[in-house]
């Protein structure tokens, strides 16, 4: 029966733990997915662009659901001209601001996850579409709660 040769002299190299990423995982990434300052700033700007698209989508859904955005604007303008924001105008302004912030944050989050998440492309694309869509729907809900309906609806 043959025997194995003795181990080489010296200590054995350390075994990688489950939390240690594989050495080849970062070398196979394209340059635009690296975490360098310029790329990060560009990705945040792209995410803000997606967020603005989510804001536009939320406003389009509000219009399609027969809410009167013009009446909401008149309420806020009249309240501002009187130098006294009414509670109704405060709710409208808060809903618009909150919807905008949620949409912007969802756009940035979706794009950063798309770029830097280490999972398959299909999962990243689903997240890229789903997160801003959910942000737009939440924004729609916030605005629908305070906007008046069009006459006849």
Protein backbone atom coordinates (compact mmCIF):
# COMPACT_ATOMS: atom_id res chain seq x y z
CA UNK A 1 0.00 0.00 0.00
CA UNK A 2 1.38 3.40 -0.98
CA UNK A 3 1.77 6.17 1.51
CA UNK A 4 1.31 9.90 1.04
CA UNK A 5 4.41 12.07 1.10
CA UNK A 6 5.00 14.05 4.26
CA UNK A 7 3.56 17.63 4.36
CA UNK A 8 5.88 20.46 3.35
CA UNK A 9 7.84 22.09 6.13
CA UNK A 10 6.45 25.25 7.74
CA UNK A 11 2.99 26.28 8.81
CA UNK A 12 -0.11 25.78 6.72
CA UNK A 13 -1.76 28.78 5.04
CA UNK A 14 -4.83 30.09 6.89
CA UNK A 15 -8.15 28.70 5.75
CA UNK A 16 -10.60 31.34 4.46
CA UNK A 17 -13.67 31.77 6.63
CA UNK A 18 -17.22 31.90 5.29
CA UNK A 19 -17.24 35.68 5.70
CA UNK A 20 -14.17 36.19 3.56
CA UNK A 21 -15.01 36.99 -0.09
CA UNK A 22 -13.33 34.92 -2.74
CA UNK A 23 -10.22 36.52 -4.20
CA UNK A 24 -11.48 36.21 -7.77
CA UNK A 25 -14.88 37.84 -7.13
CA UNK A 26 -13.57 41.43 -7.23
CA UNK A 27 -11.20 40.91 -10.14
CA UNK A 28 -14.04 39.75 -12.42
CA UNK A 29 -16.15 42.90 -11.83
CA UNK A 30 -16.30 45.61 -14.45
CA UNK A 31 -14.76 48.96 -13.54
CA UNK A 32 -18.13 50.71 -13.12
CA UNK A 33 -19.03 48.33 -10.27
CA UNK A 34 -15.94 49.18 -8.20
CA UNK A 35 -16.32 51.32 -5.09
CA UNK A 36 -14.17 54.27 -6.12
CA UNK A 37 -15.06 57.88 -5.36
CA UNK A 38 -15.88 58.96 -8.93
CA UNK A 39 -18.01 55.91 -9.63
CA UNK A 40 -19.90 56.29 -6.35
CA UNK A 41 -20.77 59.93 -7.12
CA UNK A 42 -21.89 58.97 -10.64
CA UNK A 43 -24.05 56.14 -9.28
CA UNK A 44 -25.71 58.47 -6.76
CA UNK A 45 -26.52 60.92 -9.58
CA UNK A 46 -27.95 58.10 -11.70
CA UNK A 47 -30.01 56.95 -8.69
CA UNK A 48 -31.37 60.49 -8.24
CA UNK A 49 -32.39 60.45 -11.90
CA UNK A 50 -34.27 57.21 -11.33
CA UNK A 51 -35.85 58.80 -8.25
CA UNK A 52 -37.07 61.77 -10.32
CA UNK A 53 -38.61 59.26 -12.69
CA UNK A 54 -40.38 57.65 -9.73
CA UNK A 55 -41.72 61.09 -8.70
CA UNK A 56 -43.06 61.65 -12.21
CA UNK A 57 -44.62 58.18 -12.17
CA UNK A 58 -46.34 58.88 -8.84
CA UNK A 59 -47.73 62.18 -10.15
CA UNK A 60 -48.94 60.46 -13.31
CA UNK A 61 -50.74 57.84 -11.21
CA UNK A 62 -52.34 60.63 -9.15
CA UNK A 63 -53.59 62.26 -12.33
CA UNK A 64 -54.84 58.98 -13.76
CA UNK A 65 -56.76 58.30 -10.53
CA UNK A 66 -58.74 61.55 -11.04
CA UNK A 67 -57.22 63.55 -8.21
CA UNK A 68 -57.20 67.33 -8.69
CA UNK A 69 -53.58 68.44 -8.43
CA UNK A 70 -54.55 71.91 -9.66
CA UNK A 71 -57.00 72.36 -6.76
CA UNK A 72 -54.28 71.24 -4.34
CA UNK A 73 -51.95 73.82 -5.86
CA UNK A 74 -54.63 76.53 -5.51
CA UNK A 75 -55.17 75.62 -1.85
CA UNK A 76 -51.47 75.90 -1.07
CA UNK A 77 -51.08 79.12 -3.10
CA UNK A 78 -54.08 80.79 -1.43
CA UNK A 79 -52.81 79.78 1.98
CA UNK A 80 -49.34 81.07 1.19
CA UNK A 81 -50.69 84.37 -0.15
CA UNK A 82 -52.63 84.85 3.09
CA UNK A 83 -49.36 84.27 5.01
CA UNK A 84 -51.04 81.58 7.09
CA UNK A 85 -50.66 77.93 6.11
CA UNK A 86 -53.90 76.17 6.87
CA UNK A 87 -53.81 72.60 8.17
CA UNK A 88 -55.09 71.39 4.79
CA UNK A 89 -52.26 73.19 2.97
CA UNK A 90 -49.75 71.82 5.48
CA UNK A 91 -50.94 68.26 4.81
CA UNK A 92 -50.67 68.78 1.04
CA UNK A 93 -47.16 70.22 1.30
CA UNK A 94 -46.06 67.45 3.66
CA UNK A 95 -47.52 64.76 1.39
CA UNK A 96 -45.79 66.17 -1.70
CA UNK A 97 -42.47 66.52 0.13
CA UNK A 98 -42.68 63.08 1.70
CA UNK A 99 -43.63 61.46 -1.59
CA UNK A 100 -40.71 63.18 -3.31
CA UNK A 101 -38.21 62.11 -0.66
CA UNK A 102 -39.41 58.52 -0.69
CA UNK A 103 -39.23 58.38 -4.48
CA UNK A 104 -35.72 59.88 -4.55
CA UNK A 105 -34.49 57.54 -1.83
CA UNK A 106 -35.98 54.52 -3.57
CA UNK A 107 -34.28 55.47 -6.83
CA UNK A 108 -30.87 55.85 -5.20
CA UNK A 109 -31.30 52.64 -3.19
CA UNK A 110 -32.38 50.66 -6.24
CA UNK A 111 -29.47 51.80 -8.37
CA UNK A 112 -26.85 51.29 -5.66
CA UNK A 113 -28.16 47.79 -5.00
CA UNK A 114 -28.12 47.10 -8.73
CA UNK A 115 -24.49 48.15 -8.97
CA UNK A 116 -22.97 46.82 -5.76
CA UNK A 117 -25.08 43.81 -4.72
CA UNK A 118 -23.21 40.52 -5.28
CA UNK A 119 -26.07 38.37 -6.58
CA UNK A 120 -27.24 37.26 -9.99
CA UNK A 121 -28.20 39.77 -12.66
CA UNK A 122 -31.86 38.71 -12.68
CA UNK A 123 -32.26 39.52 -8.98
CA UNK A 124 -30.52 42.85 -9.39
CA UNK A 125 -32.79 43.81 -12.32
CA UNK A 126 -35.91 42.83 -10.37
CA UNK A 127 -34.76 45.04 -7.48
CA UNK A 128 -33.94 47.88 -9.88
CA UNK A 129 -37.51 47.84 -11.19
CA UNK A 130 -39.40 46.91 -8.01
CA UNK A 131 -37.92 49.36 -5.50
CA UNK A 132 -38.67 52.59 -7.45
CA UNK A 133 -42.09 51.22 -8.37
CA UNK A 134 -42.89 50.62 -4.71
CA UNK A 135 -41.55 54.09 -3.89
CA UNK A 136 -43.84 55.61 -6.54
CA UNK A 137 -46.83 53.69 -5.20
CA UNK A 138 -46.12 54.80 -1.63
CA UNK A 139 -45.82 58.39 -2.89
CA UNK A 140 -49.13 57.99 -4.69
CA UNK A 141 -50.72 56.80 -1.47
CA UNK A 142 -49.39 59.77 0.43
CA UNK A 143 -50.68 62.24 -2.14
CA UNK A 144 -54.01 60.45 -2.64
CA UNK A 145 -54.71 60.76 1.07
CA UNK A 146 -54.75 64.57 0.95
CA UNK A 147 -55.51 65.62 -2.64
CA UNK A 148 -59.12 66.50 -3.49
CA UNK A 149 -60.90 64.43 -6.16
CA UNK A 150 -61.96 65.96 -9.46
CA UNK A 151 -65.60 67.00 -9.68
CA UNK A 152 -67.77 64.10 -10.74
CA UNK A 153 -65.50 61.33 -9.41
